[in-house]
Amino acid sequence: MGDTARWVGDQLYELLGFSDKTTAEFLVGLARKSTSEENLIEKLKGASAFPKFDVSVIDFAQQLYNRVSF
């Protein structure tokens, strides 16, 4: 698992109370395919990836997008 996927795993644990390698890698891939922070946020909302979509999830999405966009 790469550094970004490890970071996502840590964030998932903080946000959801669990971490999963496959989920972390899925979210990294989703972020890489996104065209903007807002696009990633909309994809996460549409996927119902988080049971509680609040400011902490939005912050996570913005940080993730910034980590994968070069």
PDB file of N, CA and C in Angstrom:
ATOM      1  N   MET A   1       0.863  -1.166   0.000  1.00  0.00           N
ATOM      2  CA  MET A   1       0.000   0.000   0.000  1.00  0.00           C
ATOM      3  C   MET A   1       0.905   1.223   0.000  1.00  0.00           C
ATOM      4  N   GLY A   2       0.615   2.188  -0.872  1.00  0.00           N
ATOM      5  CA  GLY A   2       1.424   3.390  -0.974  1.00  0.00           C
ATOM      6  C   GLY A   2       1.201   4.350   0.175  1.00  0.00           C
ATOM      7  N   ASP A   3       2.020   5.393   0.213  1.00  0.00           N
ATOM      8  CA  ASP A   3       1.926   6.387   1.286  1.00  0.00           C
ATOM      9  C   ASP A   3       0.552   7.045   1.353  1.00  0.00           C
ATOM     10  N   THR A   4       0.004   7.397   0.182  1.00  0.00           N
ATOM     11  CA  THR A   4      -1.306   8.046   0.169  1.00  0.00           C
ATOM     12  C   THR A   4      -2.383   7.091   0.659  1.00  0.00           C
ATOM     13  N   ALA A   5      -2.332   5.848   0.234  1.00  0.00           N
ATOM     14  CA  ALA A   5      -3.326   4.871   0.687  1.00  0.00           C
ATOM     15  C   ALA A   5      -3.206   4.640   2.201  1.00  0.00           C
ATOM     16  N   ARG A   6      -1.988   4.645   2.718  1.00  0.00           N
ATOM     17  CA  ARG A   6      -1.804   4.518   4.179  1.00  0.00           C
ATOM     18  C   ARG A   6      -2.418   5.710   4.898  1.00  0.00           C
ATOM     19  N   TRP A   7      -2.184   6.897   4.344  1.00  0.00           N
ATOM     20  CA  TRP A   7      -2.758   8.104   4.925  1.00  0.00           C
ATOM     21  C   TRP A   7      -4.284   8.014   4.914  1.00  0.00           C
ATOM     22  N   VAL A   8      -4.848   7.578   3.790  1.00  0.00           N
ATOM     23  CA  VAL A   8      -6.305   7.417   3.700  1.00  0.00           C
ATOM     24  C   VAL A   8      -6.787   6.419   4.742  1.00  0.00           C
ATOM     25  N   GLY A   9      -6.064   5.315   4.899  1.00  0.00           N
ATOM     26  CA  GLY A   9      -6.435   4.331   5.912  1.00  0.00           C
ATOM     27  C   GLY A   9      -6.468   4.930   7.305  1.00  0.00           C
ATOM     28  N   ASP A  10      -5.482   5.749   7.619  1.00  0.00           N
ATOM     29  CA  ASP A  10      -5.456   6.423   8.921  1.00  0.00           C
ATOM     30  C   ASP A  10      -6.652   7.361   9.075  1.00  0.00           C
ATOM     31  N   GLN A  11      -6.959   8.085   8.005  1.00  0.00           N
ATOM     32  CA  GLN A  11      -8.088   9.013   8.044  1.00  0.00           C
ATOM     33  C   GLN A  11      -9.411   8.271   8.183  1.00  0.00           C
ATOM     34  N   LEU A  12      -9.541   7.145   7.487  1.00  0.00           N
ATOM     35  CA  LEU A  12     -10.761   6.347   7.609  1.00  0.00           C
ATOM     36  C   LEU A  12     -10.964   5.890   9.053  1.00  0.00           C
ATOM     37  N   TYR A  13      -9.876   5.502   9.686  1.00  0.00           N
ATOM     38  CA  TYR A  13      -9.983   5.078  11.078  1.00  0.00           C
ATOM     39  C   TYR A  13     -10.484   6.230  11.957  1.00  0.00           C
ATOM     40  N   GLU A  14      -9.959   7.416  11.699  1.00  0.00           N
ATOM     41  CA  GLU A  14     -10.390   8.593  12.474  1.00  0.00           C
ATOM     42  C   GLU A  14     -11.858   8.938  12.194  1.00  0.00           C
ATOM     43  N   LEU A  15     -12.274   8.840  10.935  1.00  0.00           N
ATOM     44  CA  LEU A  15     -13.627   9.246  10.539  1.00  0.00           C
ATOM     45  C   LEU A  15     -14.685   8.178  10.824  1.00  0.00           C
ATOM     46  N   LEU A  16     -14.313   6.906  10.623  1.00  0.00           N
ATOM     47  CA  LEU A  16     -15.305   5.840  10.691  1.00  0.00           C
ATOM     48  C   LEU A  16     -15.061   4.814  11.790  1.00  0.00           C
ATOM     49  N   GLY A  17     -13.868   4.838  12.362  1.00  0.00           N
ATOM     50  CA  GLY A  17     -13.558   3.872  13.403  1.00  0.00           C
ATOM     51  C   GLY A  17     -13.022   2.554  12.868  1.00  0.00           C
ATOM     52  N   PHE A  18     -12.776   2.484  11.568  1.00  0.00           N
ATOM     53  CA  PHE A  18     -12.163   1.293  10.981  1.00  0.00           C
ATOM     54  C   PHE A  18     -11.367   1.700   9.760  1.00  0.00           C
ATOM     55  N   SER A  19     -10.485   0.823   9.351  1.00  0.00           N
ATOM     56  CA  SER A  19      -9.670   1.078   8.172  1.00  0.00           C
ATOM     57  C   SER A  19      -9.595  -0.194   7.358  1.00  0.00           C
ATOM     58  N   ASP A  20      -9.584  -0.046   6.049  1.00  0.00           N
ATOM     59  CA  ASP A  20      -9.578  -1.193   5.154  1.00  0.00           C
ATOM     60  C   ASP A  20      -8.725  -0.845   3.940  1.00  0.00           C
ATOM     61  N   LYS A  21      -7.783  -1.711   3.601  1.00  0.00           N
ATOM     62  CA  LYS A  21      -6.861  -1.464   2.493  1.00  0.00           C
ATOM     63  C   LYS A  21      -7.602  -1.266   1.173  1.00  0.00           C
ATOM     64  N   THR A  22      -8.572  -2.104   0.897  1.00  0.00           N
ATOM     65  CA  THR A  22      -9.308  -2.018  -0.364  1.00  0.00           C
ATOM     66  C   THR A  22     -10.086  -0.714  -0.459  1.00  0.00           C
ATOM     67  N   THR A  23     -10.723  -0.330   0.619  1.00  0.00           N
ATOM     68  CA  THR A  23     -11.471   0.928   0.636  1.00  0.00           C
ATOM     69  C   THR A  23     -10.527   2.110   0.460  1.00  0.00           C
ATOM     70  N   ALA A  24      -9.394   2.081   1.124  1.00  0.00           N
ATOM     71  CA  ALA A  24      -8.414   3.160   0.996  1.00  0.00           C
ATOM     72  C   ALA A  24      -7.938   3.287  -0.449  1.00  0.00           C
ATOM     73  N   GLU A  25      -7.628   2.160  -1.072  1.00  0.00           N
ATOM     74  CA  GLU A  25      -7.168   2.187  -2.457  1.00  0.00           C
ATOM     75  C   GLU A  25      -8.270   2.645  -3.401  1.00  0.00           C
ATOM     76  N   PHE A  26      -9.517   2.258  -3.122  1.00  0.00           N
ATOM     77  CA  PHE A  26     -10.653   2.722  -3.916  1.00  0.00           C
ATOM     78  C   PHE A  26     -10.773   4.245  -3.848  1.00  0.00           C
ATOM     79  N   LEU A  27     -10.659   4.790  -2.640  1.00  0.00           N
ATOM     80  CA  LEU A  27     -10.792   6.236  -2.474  1.00  0.00           C
ATOM     81  C   LEU A  27      -9.648   6.991  -3.150  1.00  0.00           C
ATOM     82  N   VAL A  28      -8.445   6.452  -3.108  1.00  0.00           N
ATOM     83  CA  VAL A  28      -7.317   7.067  -3.809  1.00  0.00           C
ATOM     84  C   VAL A  28      -7.596   7.069  -5.308  1.00  0.00           C
ATOM     85  N   GLY A  29      -8.074   5.962  -5.840  1.00  0.00           N
ATOM     86  CA  GLY A  29      -8.408   5.890  -7.263  1.00  0.00           C
ATOM     87  C   GLY A  29      -9.505   6.859  -7.645  1.00  0.00           C
ATOM     88  N   LEU A  30     -10.506   6.975  -6.798  1.00  0.00           N
ATOM     89  CA  LEU A  30     -11.602   7.912  -7.040  1.00  0.00           C
ATOM     90  C   LEU A  30     -11.081   9.347  -7.073  1.00  0.00           C
ATOM     91  N   ALA A  31     -10.187   9.657  -6.156  1.00  0.00           N
ATOM     92  CA  ALA A  31      -9.610  11.007  -6.117  1.00  0.00           C
ATOM     93  C   ALA A  31      -8.788  11.286  -7.365  1.00  0.00           C
ATOM     94  N   ARG A  32      -8.036  10.298  -7.822  1.00  0.00           N
ATOM     95  CA  ARG A  32      -7.203  10.486  -9.019  1.00  0.00           C
ATOM     96  C   ARG A  32      -8.047  10.717 -10.262  1.00  0.00           C
ATOM     97  N   LYS A  33      -9.239  10.141 -10.303  1.00  0.00           N
ATOM     98  CA  LYS A  33     -10.129  10.301 -11.450  1.00  0.00           C
ATOM     99  C   LYS A  33     -10.971  11.569 -11.366  1.00  0.00           C
ATOM    100  N   SER A  34     -10.924  12.248 -10.247  1.00  0.00           N
ATOM    101  CA  SER A  34     -11.724  13.460 -10.046  1.00  0.00           C
ATOM    102  C   SER A  34     -11.044  14.650 -10.703  1.00  0.00           C
ATOM    103  N   THR A  35     -11.862  15.585 -11.146  1.00  0.00           N
ATOM    104  CA  THR A  35     -11.355  16.770 -11.837  1.00  0.00           C
ATOM    105  C   THR A  35     -11.149  17.962 -10.908  1.00  0.00           C
ATOM    106  N   SER A  36     -11.682  17.876  -9.690  1.00  0.00           N
ATOM    107  CA  SER A  36     -11.540  18.960  -8.718  1.00  0.00           C
ATOM    108  C   SER A  36     -11.926  18.437  -7.337  1.00  0.00           C
ATOM    109  N   GLU A  37     -11.668  19.250  -6.325  1.00  0.00           N
ATOM    110  CA  GLU A  37     -12.082  18.885  -4.969  1.00  0.00           C
ATOM    111  C   GLU A  37     -13.592  18.695  -4.918  1.00  0.00           C
ATOM    112  N   GLU A  38     -14.317  19.617  -5.550  1.00  0.00           N
ATOM    113  CA  GLU A  38     -15.772  19.568  -5.550  1.00  0.00           C
ATOM    114  C   GLU A  38     -16.272  18.307  -6.244  1.00  0.00           C
ATOM    115  N   ASN A  39     -15.609  17.922  -7.340  1.00  0.00           N
ATOM    116  CA  ASN A  39     -15.984  16.721  -8.065  1.00  0.00           C
ATOM    117  C   ASN A  39     -15.798  15.484  -7.180  1.00  0.00           C
ATOM    118  N   LEU A  40     -14.697  15.425  -6.442  1.00  0.00           N
ATOM    119  CA  LEU A  40     -14.463  14.306  -5.531  1.00  0.00           C
ATOM    120  C   LEU A  40     -15.519  14.279  -4.436  1.00  0.00           C
ATOM    121  N   ILE A  41     -15.849  15.419  -3.886  1.00  0.00           N
ATOM    122  CA  ILE A  41     -16.871  15.485  -2.835  1.00  0.00           C
ATOM    123  C   ILE A  41     -18.205  14.955  -3.367  1.00  0.00           C
ATOM    124  N   GLU A  42     -18.577  15.355  -4.570  1.00  0.00           N
ATOM    125  CA  GLU A  42     -19.828  14.880  -5.169  1.00  0.00           C
ATOM    126  C   GLU A  42     -19.787  13.363  -5.394  1.00  0.00           C
ATOM    127  N   LYS A  43     -18.643  12.846  -5.841  1.00  0.00           N
ATOM    128  CA  LYS A  43     -18.509  11.402  -6.036  1.00  0.00           C
ATOM    129  C   LYS A  43     -18.648  10.655  -4.712  1.00  0.00           C
ATOM    130  N   LEU A  44     -18.060  11.195  -3.658  1.00  0.00           N
ATOM    131  CA  LEU A  44     -18.171  10.554  -2.346  1.00  0.00           C
ATOM    132  C   LEU A  44     -19.609  10.573  -1.843  1.00  0.00           C
ATOM    133  N   LYS A  45     -20.290  11.685  -2.067  1.00  0.00           N
ATOM    134  CA  LYS A  45     -21.705  11.769  -1.675  1.00  0.00           C
ATOM    135  C   LYS A  45     -22.525  10.751  -2.460  1.00  0.00           C
ATOM    136  N   GLY A  46     -22.277  10.678  -3.766  1.00  0.00           N
ATOM    137  CA  GLY A  46     -23.028   9.760  -4.619  1.00  0.00           C
ATOM    138  C   GLY A  46     -22.779   8.303  -4.295  1.00  0.00           C
ATOM    139  N   ALA A  47     -21.587   7.993  -3.849  1.00  0.00           N
ATOM    140  CA  ALA A  47     -21.240   6.613  -3.511  1.00  0.00           C
ATOM    141  C   ALA A  47     -21.719   6.230  -2.117  1.00  0.00           C
ATOM    142  N   SER A  48     -22.241   7.188  -1.384  1.00  0.00           N
ATOM    143  CA  SER A  48     -22.657   6.959   0.005  1.00  0.00           C
ATOM    144  C   SER A  48     -21.529   6.306   0.801  1.00  0.00           C
ATOM    145  N   ALA A  49     -20.324   6.794   0.577  1.00  0.00           N
ATOM    146  CA  ALA A  49     -19.140   6.214   1.203  1.00  0.00           C
ATOM    147  C   ALA A  49     -19.064   6.493   2.701  1.00  0.00           C
ATOM    148  N   PHE A  50     -19.706   7.561   3.137  1.00  0.00           N
ATOM    149  CA  PHE A  50     -19.652   7.940   4.545  1.00  0.00           C
ATOM    150  C   PHE A  50     -21.068   8.090   5.080  1.00  0.00           C
ATOM    151  N   PRO A  51     -21.380   7.423   6.175  1.00  0.00           N
ATOM    152  CA  PRO A  51     -22.741   7.506   6.729  1.00  0.00           C
ATOM    153  C   PRO A  51     -23.101   8.910   7.211  1.00  0.00           C
ATOM    154  N   LYS A  52     -22.106   9.644   7.669  1.00  0.00           N
ATOM    155  CA  LYS A  52     -22.330  11.012   8.143  1.00  0.00           C
ATOM    156  C   LYS A  52     -21.420  11.918   7.316  1.00  0.00           C
ATOM    157  N   PHE A  53     -22.005  12.691   6.421  1.00  0.00           N
ATOM    158  CA  PHE A  53     -21.216  13.538   5.537  1.00  0.00           C
ATOM    159  C   PHE A  53     -21.190  14.940   6.130  1.00  0.00           C
ATOM    160  N   ASP A  54     -20.125  15.240   6.856  1.00  0.00           N
ATOM    161  CA  ASP A  54     -20.017  16.530   7.513  1.00  0.00           C
ATOM    162  C   ASP A  54     -18.726  17.228   7.108  1.00  0.00           C
ATOM    163  N   VAL A  55     -18.396  18.286   7.811  1.00  0.00           N
ATOM    164  CA  VAL A  55     -17.226  19.101   7.463  1.00  0.00           C
ATOM    165  C   VAL A  55     -15.926  18.295   7.567  1.00  0.00           C
ATOM    166  N   SER A  56     -15.866  17.318   8.452  1.00  0.00           N
ATOM    167  CA  SER A  56     -14.642  16.516   8.567  1.00  0.00           C
ATOM    168  C   SER A  56     -14.433  15.658   7.319  1.00  0.00           C
ATOM    169  N   VAL A  57     -15.502  15.166   6.723  1.00  0.00           N
ATOM    170  CA  VAL A  57     -15.392  14.387   5.487  1.00  0.00           C
ATOM    171  C   VAL A  57     -15.017  15.298   4.324  1.00  0.00           C
ATOM    172  N   ILE A  58     -15.582  16.481   4.286  1.00  0.00           N
ATOM    173  CA  ILE A  58     -15.233  17.449   3.239  1.00  0.00           C
ATOM    174  C   ILE A  58     -13.761  17.827   3.350  1.00  0.00           C
ATOM    175  N   ASP A  59     -13.292  18.054   4.557  1.00  0.00           N
ATOM    176  CA  ASP A  59     -11.873  18.362   4.774  1.00  0.00           C
ATOM    177  C   ASP A  59     -10.992  17.200   4.311  1.00  0.00           C
ATOM    178  N   PHE A  60     -11.391  15.979   4.651  1.00  0.00           N
ATOM    179  CA  PHE A  60     -10.667  14.787   4.207  1.00  0.00           C
ATOM    180  C   PHE A  60     -10.601  14.736   2.681  1.00  0.00           C
ATOM    181  N   ALA A  61     -11.730  14.951   2.025  1.00  0.00           N
ATOM    182  CA  ALA A  61     -11.780  14.895   0.564  1.00  0.00           C
ATOM    183  C   ALA A  61     -10.872  15.949  -0.058  1.00  0.00           C
ATOM    184  N   GLN A  62     -10.884  17.146   0.485  1.00  0.00           N
ATOM    185  CA  GLN A  62     -10.024  18.206  -0.039  1.00  0.00           C
ATOM    186  C   GLN A  62      -8.553  17.852   0.133  1.00  0.00           C
ATOM    187  N   GLN A  63      -8.191  17.340   1.285  1.00  0.00           N
ATOM    188  CA  GLN A  63      -6.801  16.939   1.528  1.00  0.00           C
ATOM    189  C   GLN A  63      -6.388  15.800   0.605  1.00  0.00           C
ATOM    190  N   LEU A  64      -7.285  14.831   0.441  1.00  0.00           N
ATOM    191  CA  LEU A  64      -6.982  13.704  -0.435  1.00  0.00           C
ATOM    192  C   LEU A  64      -6.786  14.173  -1.870  1.00  0.00           C
ATOM    193  N   TYR A  65      -7.675  15.000  -2.353  1.00  0.00           N
ATOM    194  CA  TYR A  65      -7.548  15.495  -3.717  1.00  0.00           C
ATOM    195  C   TYR A  65      -6.214  16.221  -3.904  1.00  0.00           C
ATOM    196  N   ASN A  66      -5.852  17.036  -2.935  1.00  0.00           N
ATOM    197  CA  ASN A  66      -4.590  17.769  -3.019  1.00  0.00           C
ATOM    198  C   ASN A  66      -3.376  16.837  -2.980  1.00  0.00           C
ATOM    199  N   ARG A  67      -3.499  15.708  -2.321  1.00  0.00           N
ATOM    200  CA  ARG A  67      -2.389  14.745  -2.268  1.00  0.00           C
ATOM    201  C   ARG A  67      -2.193  14.036  -3.602  1.00  0.00           C
ATOM    202  N   VAL A  68      -3.271  13.793  -4.331  1.00  0.00           N
ATOM    203  CA  VAL A  68      -3.147  13.012  -5.574  1.00  0.00           C
ATOM    204  C   VAL A  68      -3.063  13.871  -6.829  1.00  0.00           C
ATOM    205  N   SER A  69      -3.442  15.142  -6.744  1.00  0.00           N
ATOM    206  CA  SER A  69      -3.356  15.999  -7.931  1.00  0.00           C
ATOM    207  C   SER A  69      -1.978  16.639  -7.986  1.00  0.00           C
ATOM    208  N   PHE A  70      -1.372  16.548  -9.114  1.00  0.00           N
ATOM    209  CA  PHE A  70      -0.009  17.049  -9.263  1.00  0.00           C
ATOM    210  C   PHE A  70       0.018  18.240 -10.164  1.00  0.00           C
TER     211      PHE A  70
END
